[in-house]
N, C-alpha and C. Protein backbone atom coordinates (compact mmCIF):
# COMPACT_ATOMS: atom_id res chain seq x y z
N MET A 1 98.27 128.17 128.55
CA MET A 1 97.64 127.12 127.77
C MET A 1 97.76 125.81 128.50
N ASN A 2 96.68 125.12 128.63
CA ASN A 2 96.65 123.79 129.22
C ASN A 2 96.93 122.79 128.11
N ILE A 3 98.04 122.08 128.22
CA ILE A 3 98.47 121.19 127.14
C ILE A 3 97.46 120.09 126.86
N GLN A 4 96.82 119.55 127.88
CA GLN A 4 95.87 118.48 127.65
C GLN A 4 94.66 118.98 126.87
N SER A 5 94.19 120.19 127.17
CA SER A 5 93.03 120.70 126.45
C SER A 5 93.37 121.10 125.02
N ALA A 6 94.64 121.36 124.73
CA ALA A 6 95.03 121.72 123.37
C ALA A 6 95.42 120.50 122.54
N LEU A 7 95.77 119.41 123.19
CA LEU A 7 96.26 118.23 122.48
C LEU A 7 95.18 117.53 121.67
N ILE A 8 94.06 117.27 122.30
CA ILE A 8 92.99 116.55 121.61
C ILE A 8 91.72 117.42 121.60
N PRO A 9 90.86 117.21 120.63
CA PRO A 9 89.64 118.01 120.58
C PRO A 9 88.72 117.69 121.77
N ASN A 10 88.04 118.70 122.26
CA ASN A 10 87.04 118.54 123.30
C ASN A 10 86.04 119.66 123.16
N LYS A 11 85.22 119.90 124.15
CA LYS A 11 84.19 120.92 123.99
C LYS A 11 84.75 122.34 123.93
N HIS A 12 86.02 122.54 124.33
CA HIS A 12 86.64 123.85 124.28
C HIS A 12 87.62 124.00 123.11
N THR A 13 88.05 122.90 122.53
CA THR A 13 89.01 122.92 121.44
C THR A 13 88.39 122.21 120.23
N ARG A 14 88.27 122.96 119.13
CA ARG A 14 87.74 122.34 117.92
C ARG A 14 88.74 121.34 117.36
N PHE A 15 88.23 120.39 116.61
CA PHE A 15 89.10 119.39 116.00
C PHE A 15 90.16 120.05 115.14
N SER A 16 89.79 121.09 114.40
CA SER A 16 90.74 121.75 113.51
C SER A 16 91.84 122.49 114.27
N ASP A 17 91.63 122.81 115.54
CA ASP A 17 92.62 123.52 116.34
C ASP A 17 93.45 122.60 117.24
N ALA A 18 93.15 121.32 117.26
CA ALA A 18 93.84 120.39 118.15
C ALA A 18 95.25 120.09 117.63
N ILE A 19 96.16 119.88 118.54
CA ILE A 19 97.55 119.60 118.18
C ILE A 19 97.65 118.27 117.43
N ILE A 20 96.83 117.32 117.80
CA ILE A 20 96.88 116.01 117.13
C ILE A 20 96.47 116.15 115.66
N THR A 21 95.57 117.09 115.35
CA THR A 21 95.20 117.35 113.96
C THR A 21 96.36 117.98 113.20
N LEU A 22 97.02 118.94 113.84
CA LEU A 22 98.18 119.56 113.23
C LEU A 22 99.29 118.54 113.02
N ALA A 23 99.44 117.60 113.95
CA ALA A 23 100.45 116.55 113.81
C ALA A 23 100.17 115.71 112.56
N GLY A 24 98.91 115.45 112.28
CA GLY A 24 98.55 114.73 111.06
C GLY A 24 98.92 115.50 109.80
N ARG A 25 98.70 116.81 109.83
CA ARG A 25 99.08 117.64 108.69
C ARG A 25 100.59 117.64 108.49
N VAL A 26 101.33 117.73 109.59
CA VAL A 26 102.79 117.72 109.51
C VAL A 26 103.27 116.39 108.95
N ALA A 27 102.71 115.29 109.43
CA ALA A 27 103.11 113.97 108.94
C ALA A 27 102.86 113.85 107.44
N ALA A 28 101.76 114.42 106.98
CA ALA A 28 101.45 114.37 105.54
C ALA A 28 102.45 115.17 104.72
N LEU A 29 103.04 116.21 105.31
CA LEU A 29 104.01 117.03 104.59
C LEU A 29 105.38 116.37 104.48
N LEU A 30 105.62 115.37 105.28
CA LEU A 30 106.96 114.78 105.33
C LEU A 30 107.13 113.67 104.29
N ASP A 31 106.83 113.99 103.04
CA ASP A 31 107.12 113.05 101.96
C ASP A 31 108.60 113.02 101.67
N GLN A 32 109.31 114.02 102.18
CA GLN A 32 110.77 114.09 102.11
C GLN A 32 111.23 114.74 103.41
N PRO A 33 112.48 114.54 103.82
CA PRO A 33 112.96 115.18 105.05
C PRO A 33 112.89 116.71 104.92
N ARG A 34 112.42 117.36 105.98
CA ARG A 34 112.28 118.82 105.98
C ARG A 34 112.76 119.38 107.32
N THR A 35 113.20 120.64 107.28
CA THR A 35 113.56 121.33 108.51
C THR A 35 112.28 121.86 109.15
N VAL A 36 112.38 122.23 110.41
CA VAL A 36 111.23 122.81 111.11
C VAL A 36 110.84 124.12 110.43
N ASP A 37 111.82 124.88 109.98
CA ASP A 37 111.52 126.14 109.28
C ASP A 37 110.74 125.90 107.99
N GLU A 38 111.09 124.86 107.25
CA GLU A 38 110.36 124.54 106.02
C GLU A 38 108.92 124.14 106.34
N ILE A 39 108.76 123.34 107.38
CA ILE A 39 107.42 122.91 107.79
C ILE A 39 106.60 124.13 108.22
N TRP A 40 107.22 125.02 109.01
CA TRP A 40 106.53 126.22 109.47
C TRP A 40 106.10 127.10 108.30
N SER A 41 106.96 127.23 107.31
CA SER A 41 106.64 128.04 106.14
C SER A 41 105.41 127.49 105.42
N ILE A 42 105.36 126.19 105.25
CA ILE A 42 104.23 125.57 104.55
C ILE A 42 102.95 125.68 105.38
N ILE A 43 103.04 125.35 106.66
CA ILE A 43 101.86 125.39 107.53
C ILE A 43 101.32 126.81 107.68
N SER A 44 102.21 127.77 107.86
CA SER A 44 101.75 129.14 108.04
C SER A 44 101.14 129.70 106.76
N SER A 45 101.62 129.26 105.60
CA SER A 45 101.00 129.72 104.35
C SER A 45 99.60 129.13 104.18
N TYR A 46 99.37 127.90 104.67
CA TYR A 46 98.04 127.31 104.63
C TYR A 46 97.07 128.06 105.52
N SER A 47 97.55 128.50 106.69
CA SER A 47 96.63 129.09 107.67
C SER A 47 96.44 130.59 107.49
N LYS A 48 97.08 131.20 106.50
CA LYS A 48 96.90 132.65 106.28
C LYS A 48 95.46 132.99 105.93
N GLY A 49 94.82 132.19 105.12
CA GLY A 49 93.44 132.45 104.73
C GLY A 49 92.42 131.93 105.72
N SER A 50 92.88 131.24 106.73
CA SER A 50 91.99 130.62 107.71
C SER A 50 91.76 131.55 108.89
N SER A 51 90.63 131.36 109.56
CA SER A 51 90.35 132.16 110.74
C SER A 51 91.16 131.69 111.95
N ALA A 52 91.59 130.44 111.93
CA ALA A 52 92.37 129.89 113.04
C ALA A 52 93.83 129.76 112.59
N ALA A 53 94.63 130.75 112.88
CA ALA A 53 96.04 130.72 112.51
C ALA A 53 96.80 129.81 113.48
N THR A 54 97.71 129.03 112.93
CA THR A 54 98.51 128.12 113.73
C THR A 54 99.69 128.87 114.32
N SER A 55 99.95 128.63 115.60
CA SER A 55 101.10 129.27 116.23
C SER A 55 102.32 128.35 116.09
N PHE A 56 103.49 128.95 116.19
CA PHE A 56 104.72 128.17 116.12
C PHE A 56 104.82 127.21 117.30
N THR A 57 104.31 127.62 118.45
CA THR A 57 104.30 126.76 119.63
C THR A 57 103.50 125.50 119.37
N HIS A 58 102.33 125.64 118.75
CA HIS A 58 101.52 124.47 118.42
C HIS A 58 102.24 123.57 117.41
N LEU A 59 102.95 124.17 116.48
CA LEU A 59 103.69 123.38 115.51
C LEU A 59 104.77 122.55 116.21
N VAL A 60 105.50 123.16 117.11
CA VAL A 60 106.55 122.44 117.84
C VAL A 60 105.94 121.32 118.68
N LEU A 61 104.81 121.58 119.32
CA LEU A 61 104.13 120.54 120.10
C LEU A 61 103.66 119.40 119.19
N ALA A 62 103.21 119.72 117.99
CA ALA A 62 102.79 118.68 117.05
C ALA A 62 103.98 117.83 116.62
N ILE A 63 105.10 118.46 116.36
CA ILE A 63 106.31 117.72 115.99
C ILE A 63 106.78 116.87 117.17
N ASP A 64 106.73 117.41 118.38
CA ASP A 64 107.08 116.64 119.57
C ASP A 64 106.16 115.43 119.75
N THR A 65 104.88 115.62 119.46
CA THR A 65 103.92 114.52 119.57
C THR A 65 104.27 113.41 118.58
N LEU A 66 104.56 113.78 117.34
CA LEU A 66 104.95 112.78 116.34
C LEU A 66 106.22 112.05 116.74
N TYR A 67 107.17 112.79 117.32
CA TYR A 67 108.41 112.15 117.77
C TYR A 67 108.14 111.21 118.94
N ALA A 68 107.28 111.62 119.85
CA ALA A 68 106.98 110.80 121.03
C ALA A 68 106.30 109.49 120.67
N ILE A 69 105.49 109.52 119.62
CA ILE A 69 104.81 108.28 119.21
C ILE A 69 105.58 107.57 118.10
N ARG A 70 106.82 107.99 117.90
CA ARG A 70 107.77 107.35 116.97
C ARG A 70 107.28 107.30 115.53
N GLN A 71 106.69 108.42 115.09
CA GLN A 71 106.28 108.53 113.70
C GLN A 71 107.27 109.31 112.87
N ILE A 72 108.14 110.08 113.53
CA ILE A 72 109.19 110.83 112.84
C ILE A 72 110.49 110.63 113.59
N GLU A 73 111.58 110.92 112.88
CA GLU A 73 112.90 110.83 113.49
C GLU A 73 113.75 112.00 113.00
N LEU A 74 114.78 112.29 113.75
CA LEU A 74 115.69 113.37 113.39
C LEU A 74 116.80 112.82 112.52
N VAL A 75 117.05 113.50 111.40
CA VAL A 75 118.12 113.12 110.48
C VAL A 75 119.35 113.95 110.85
N ALA A 76 120.51 113.49 110.46
CA ALA A 76 121.78 114.10 110.87
C ALA A 76 121.89 115.59 110.53
N ASP A 77 121.29 116.06 109.46
CA ASP A 77 121.44 117.46 109.07
C ASP A 77 120.39 118.37 109.68
N GLY A 78 119.70 117.93 110.72
CA GLY A 78 118.73 118.76 111.42
C GLY A 78 117.33 118.72 110.84
N ARG A 79 117.09 117.82 109.92
CA ARG A 79 115.77 117.66 109.32
C ARG A 79 115.02 116.54 110.04
N VAL A 80 113.72 116.54 109.88
CA VAL A 80 112.92 115.44 110.40
C VAL A 80 112.32 114.70 109.21
N GLN A 81 112.14 113.41 109.41
CA GLN A 81 111.55 112.58 108.37
C GLN A 81 110.62 111.56 109.00
N ARG A 82 109.69 111.08 108.21
CA ARG A 82 108.79 110.03 108.68
C ARG A 82 109.55 108.73 108.87
N VAL A 83 109.13 107.98 109.85
CA VAL A 83 109.70 106.65 110.10
C VAL A 83 108.97 105.68 109.19
N ASN A 84 109.72 104.83 108.53
CA ASN A 84 109.10 103.82 107.67
C ASN A 84 108.70 102.63 108.50
N ASN A 85 107.43 102.57 108.88
CA ASN A 85 106.90 101.45 109.65
C ASN A 85 106.39 100.39 108.71
N PRO A 86 106.78 99.13 108.94
CA PRO A 86 106.30 98.07 108.04
C PRO A 86 104.83 97.78 108.20
């Protein structure tokens, strides 16, 4: 997998399959601190009825993307939470 072609939508990657789209979904789920396993459980249940199933690798890349752009942070008990930006 070429990370650049999977990160943002282009002629080979649909918007719904892009990592940046998944990152938005993950950010929306973080109304409270959650573990990666909790996030995976929610995301995978959403994609069961969909033709494009999300892989765990894409989920981790989406979480890494959110961390890199400082939208989430790691809490002491191994959970991630949204950063409160003013």
